[in-house]
N, C-alpha and C. Protein backbone atom coordinates (compact mmCIF):
# COMPACT_ATOMS: atom_id res chain seq x y z
N MET A 1 0.85 -1.17 0.00
CA MET A 1 0.00 0.00 0.00
C MET A 1 0.90 1.24 0.00
N ILE A 2 0.52 2.20 -0.78
CA ILE A 2 1.22 3.48 -0.85
C ILE A 2 0.23 4.56 -0.39
N THR A 3 0.62 5.32 0.62
CA THR A 3 -0.23 6.39 1.13
C THR A 3 0.39 7.73 0.80
N CYS A 4 -0.41 8.62 0.27
CA CYS A 4 0.02 9.96 -0.12
C CYS A 4 -0.55 10.98 0.85
N VAL A 5 0.23 12.01 1.13
CA VAL A 5 -0.20 13.13 1.96
C VAL A 5 -0.08 14.39 1.11
N VAL A 6 -1.16 15.13 1.00
CA VAL A 6 -1.17 16.38 0.24
C VAL A 6 -1.52 17.52 1.20
N THR A 7 -0.71 18.57 1.17
CA THR A 7 -0.97 19.74 2.00
C THR A 7 -1.57 20.85 1.14
N TYR A 8 -2.66 21.41 1.60
CA TYR A 8 -3.35 22.49 0.89
C TYR A 8 -3.29 23.77 1.72
N THR A 9 -3.18 24.89 1.05
CA THR A 9 -3.37 26.19 1.68
C THR A 9 -4.70 26.71 1.16
N ILE A 10 -5.63 26.95 2.07
CA ILE A 10 -6.99 27.30 1.70
C ILE A 10 -7.22 28.80 1.88
N ASP A 11 -7.77 29.41 0.86
CA ASP A 11 -8.18 30.81 0.93
C ASP A 11 -9.50 30.85 1.71
N PRO A 12 -9.54 31.50 2.87
CA PRO A 12 -10.78 31.52 3.67
C PRO A 12 -11.99 32.08 2.91
N ALA A 13 -11.76 32.88 1.90
CA ALA A 13 -12.87 33.42 1.11
C ALA A 13 -13.38 32.43 0.06
N LYS A 14 -12.69 31.29 -0.08
CA LYS A 14 -13.06 30.32 -1.11
C LYS A 14 -13.28 28.92 -0.54
N THR A 15 -13.84 28.84 0.66
CA THR A 15 -14.05 27.53 1.26
C THR A 15 -15.07 26.69 0.49
N ARG A 16 -16.07 27.31 -0.09
CA ARG A 16 -17.05 26.55 -0.89
C ARG A 16 -16.39 25.92 -2.11
N GLU A 17 -15.51 26.67 -2.75
CA GLU A 17 -14.80 26.14 -3.92
C GLU A 17 -13.89 24.99 -3.52
N PHE A 18 -13.23 25.13 -2.37
CA PHE A 18 -12.36 24.04 -1.90
C PHE A 18 -13.20 22.80 -1.58
N GLU A 19 -14.36 22.99 -0.97
CA GLU A 19 -15.22 21.85 -0.65
C GLU A 19 -15.64 21.11 -1.92
N ALA A 20 -16.00 21.84 -2.97
CA ALA A 20 -16.37 21.20 -4.25
C ALA A 20 -15.19 20.45 -4.84
N PHE A 21 -14.00 21.06 -4.80
CA PHE A 21 -12.79 20.40 -5.28
C PHE A 21 -12.52 19.13 -4.48
N ALA A 22 -12.65 19.21 -3.16
CA ALA A 22 -12.37 18.07 -2.29
C ALA A 22 -13.31 16.91 -2.59
N ARG A 23 -14.58 17.19 -2.76
CA ARG A 23 -15.55 16.12 -3.06
C ARG A 23 -15.24 15.45 -4.40
N ALA A 24 -14.86 16.24 -5.40
CA ALA A 24 -14.52 15.68 -6.71
C ALA A 24 -13.26 14.81 -6.60
N TRP A 25 -12.29 15.27 -5.83
CA TRP A 25 -11.03 14.52 -5.67
C TRP A 25 -11.28 13.18 -4.98
N MET A 26 -12.17 13.18 -3.97
CA MET A 26 -12.49 11.94 -3.27
C MET A 26 -13.11 10.93 -4.23
N ASP A 27 -13.98 11.38 -5.11
CA ASP A 27 -14.60 10.50 -6.10
C ASP A 27 -13.55 9.95 -7.06
N LEU A 28 -12.64 10.79 -7.51
CA LEU A 28 -11.61 10.34 -8.46
C LEU A 28 -10.69 9.28 -7.85
N VAL A 29 -10.29 9.47 -6.62
CA VAL A 29 -9.43 8.49 -5.96
C VAL A 29 -10.15 7.14 -5.91
N GLY A 30 -11.40 7.13 -5.51
CA GLY A 30 -12.17 5.89 -5.45
C GLY A 30 -12.35 5.23 -6.80
N ARG A 31 -12.61 6.01 -7.83
CA ARG A 31 -12.79 5.45 -9.18
C ARG A 31 -11.52 4.82 -9.72
N HIS A 32 -10.37 5.22 -9.20
CA HIS A 32 -9.10 4.69 -9.69
C HIS A 32 -8.49 3.66 -8.73
N GLY A 33 -9.34 3.10 -7.85
CA GLY A 33 -8.91 1.99 -7.01
C GLY A 33 -8.28 2.38 -5.69
N GLY A 34 -8.33 3.64 -5.35
CA GLY A 34 -7.73 4.08 -4.10
C GLY A 34 -8.75 4.26 -2.99
N VAL A 35 -8.24 4.55 -1.83
CA VAL A 35 -9.06 4.83 -0.67
C VAL A 35 -8.71 6.23 -0.18
N HIS A 36 -9.70 7.10 -0.12
CA HIS A 36 -9.48 8.45 0.39
C HIS A 36 -9.80 8.42 1.88
N HIS A 37 -8.82 8.76 2.71
CA HIS A 37 -8.98 8.68 4.16
C HIS A 37 -9.57 9.95 4.75
N GLY A 38 -9.62 11.02 3.98
CA GLY A 38 -10.25 12.24 4.44
C GLY A 38 -9.36 13.46 4.40
N TYR A 39 -9.96 14.57 4.74
CA TYR A 39 -9.26 15.85 4.86
C TYR A 39 -9.15 16.17 6.34
N PHE A 40 -8.04 16.73 6.72
CA PHE A 40 -7.79 17.00 8.12
C PHE A 40 -7.37 18.45 8.30
N LEU A 41 -8.00 19.09 9.28
CA LEU A 41 -7.72 20.49 9.60
C LEU A 41 -7.23 20.56 11.04
N PRO A 42 -6.47 21.60 11.39
CA PRO A 42 -6.04 21.73 12.79
C PRO A 42 -7.26 21.85 13.70
N SER A 43 -7.18 21.26 14.88
CA SER A 43 -8.30 21.32 15.80
C SER A 43 -8.27 22.55 16.69
N GLU A 44 -7.13 23.23 16.75
CA GLU A 44 -7.02 24.42 17.59
C GLU A 44 -6.37 25.54 16.81
N GLY A 45 -6.81 26.75 17.07
CA GLY A 45 -6.18 27.92 16.46
C GLY A 45 -6.60 28.14 15.02
N ALA A 46 -6.26 29.31 14.53
CA ALA A 46 -6.58 29.66 13.14
C ALA A 46 -5.49 29.13 12.23
N SER A 47 -5.90 28.53 11.14
CA SER A 47 -4.94 28.02 10.16
C SER A 47 -5.61 27.97 8.80
N ASP A 48 -4.82 28.16 7.77
CA ASP A 48 -5.34 28.06 6.41
C ASP A 48 -4.83 26.80 5.72
N GLU A 49 -4.34 25.83 6.50
CA GLU A 49 -3.81 24.60 5.92
C GLU A 49 -4.73 23.42 6.20
N ALA A 50 -4.75 22.50 5.26
CA ALA A 50 -5.48 21.24 5.40
C ALA A 50 -4.59 20.14 4.84
N LEU A 51 -4.81 18.93 5.31
CA LEU A 51 -4.11 17.76 4.78
C LEU A 51 -5.13 16.80 4.21
N ALA A 52 -4.74 16.10 3.16
CA ALA A 52 -5.55 15.01 2.62
C ALA A 52 -4.68 13.76 2.61
N LEU A 53 -5.28 12.63 2.96
CA LEU A 53 -4.58 11.35 2.93
C LEU A 53 -5.36 10.40 2.03
N PHE A 54 -4.64 9.72 1.14
CA PHE A 54 -5.26 8.70 0.32
C PHE A 54 -4.24 7.63 0.00
N SER A 55 -4.72 6.40 -0.22
CA SER A 55 -3.85 5.25 -0.43
C SER A 55 -4.26 4.49 -1.68
N PHE A 56 -3.25 3.86 -2.28
CA PHE A 56 -3.46 2.97 -3.41
C PHE A 56 -2.69 1.68 -3.17
N PRO A 57 -3.19 0.55 -3.66
CA PRO A 57 -2.43 -0.70 -3.55
C PRO A 57 -1.08 -0.54 -4.26
N SER A 58 -0.05 -1.17 -3.72
CA SER A 58 1.27 -1.06 -4.34
C SER A 58 1.44 -2.04 -5.50
N HIS A 59 0.43 -2.84 -5.77
CA HIS A 59 0.46 -3.77 -6.90
C HIS A 59 -0.83 -3.61 -7.70
N PRO A 60 -0.78 -3.87 -9.00
CA PRO A 60 -2.00 -3.75 -9.82
C PRO A 60 -3.02 -4.80 -9.42
N ARG A 61 -4.30 -4.44 -9.58
CA ARG A 61 -5.38 -5.41 -9.27
C ARG A 61 -5.59 -6.35 -10.39
């Protein structure tokens, strides 16, 4: 299994656009055989960063 971590910087004025992008990305990962583990935001304090984690098998199906 190969797990990828992607760091995003989110414009607070464009959270709706980021949400639409995130939902589309989750669908694409699933359609290509991966598992999207979710988006993660800091639980404390103000931040404009988010992380996404997704995994793919390390061998072809």
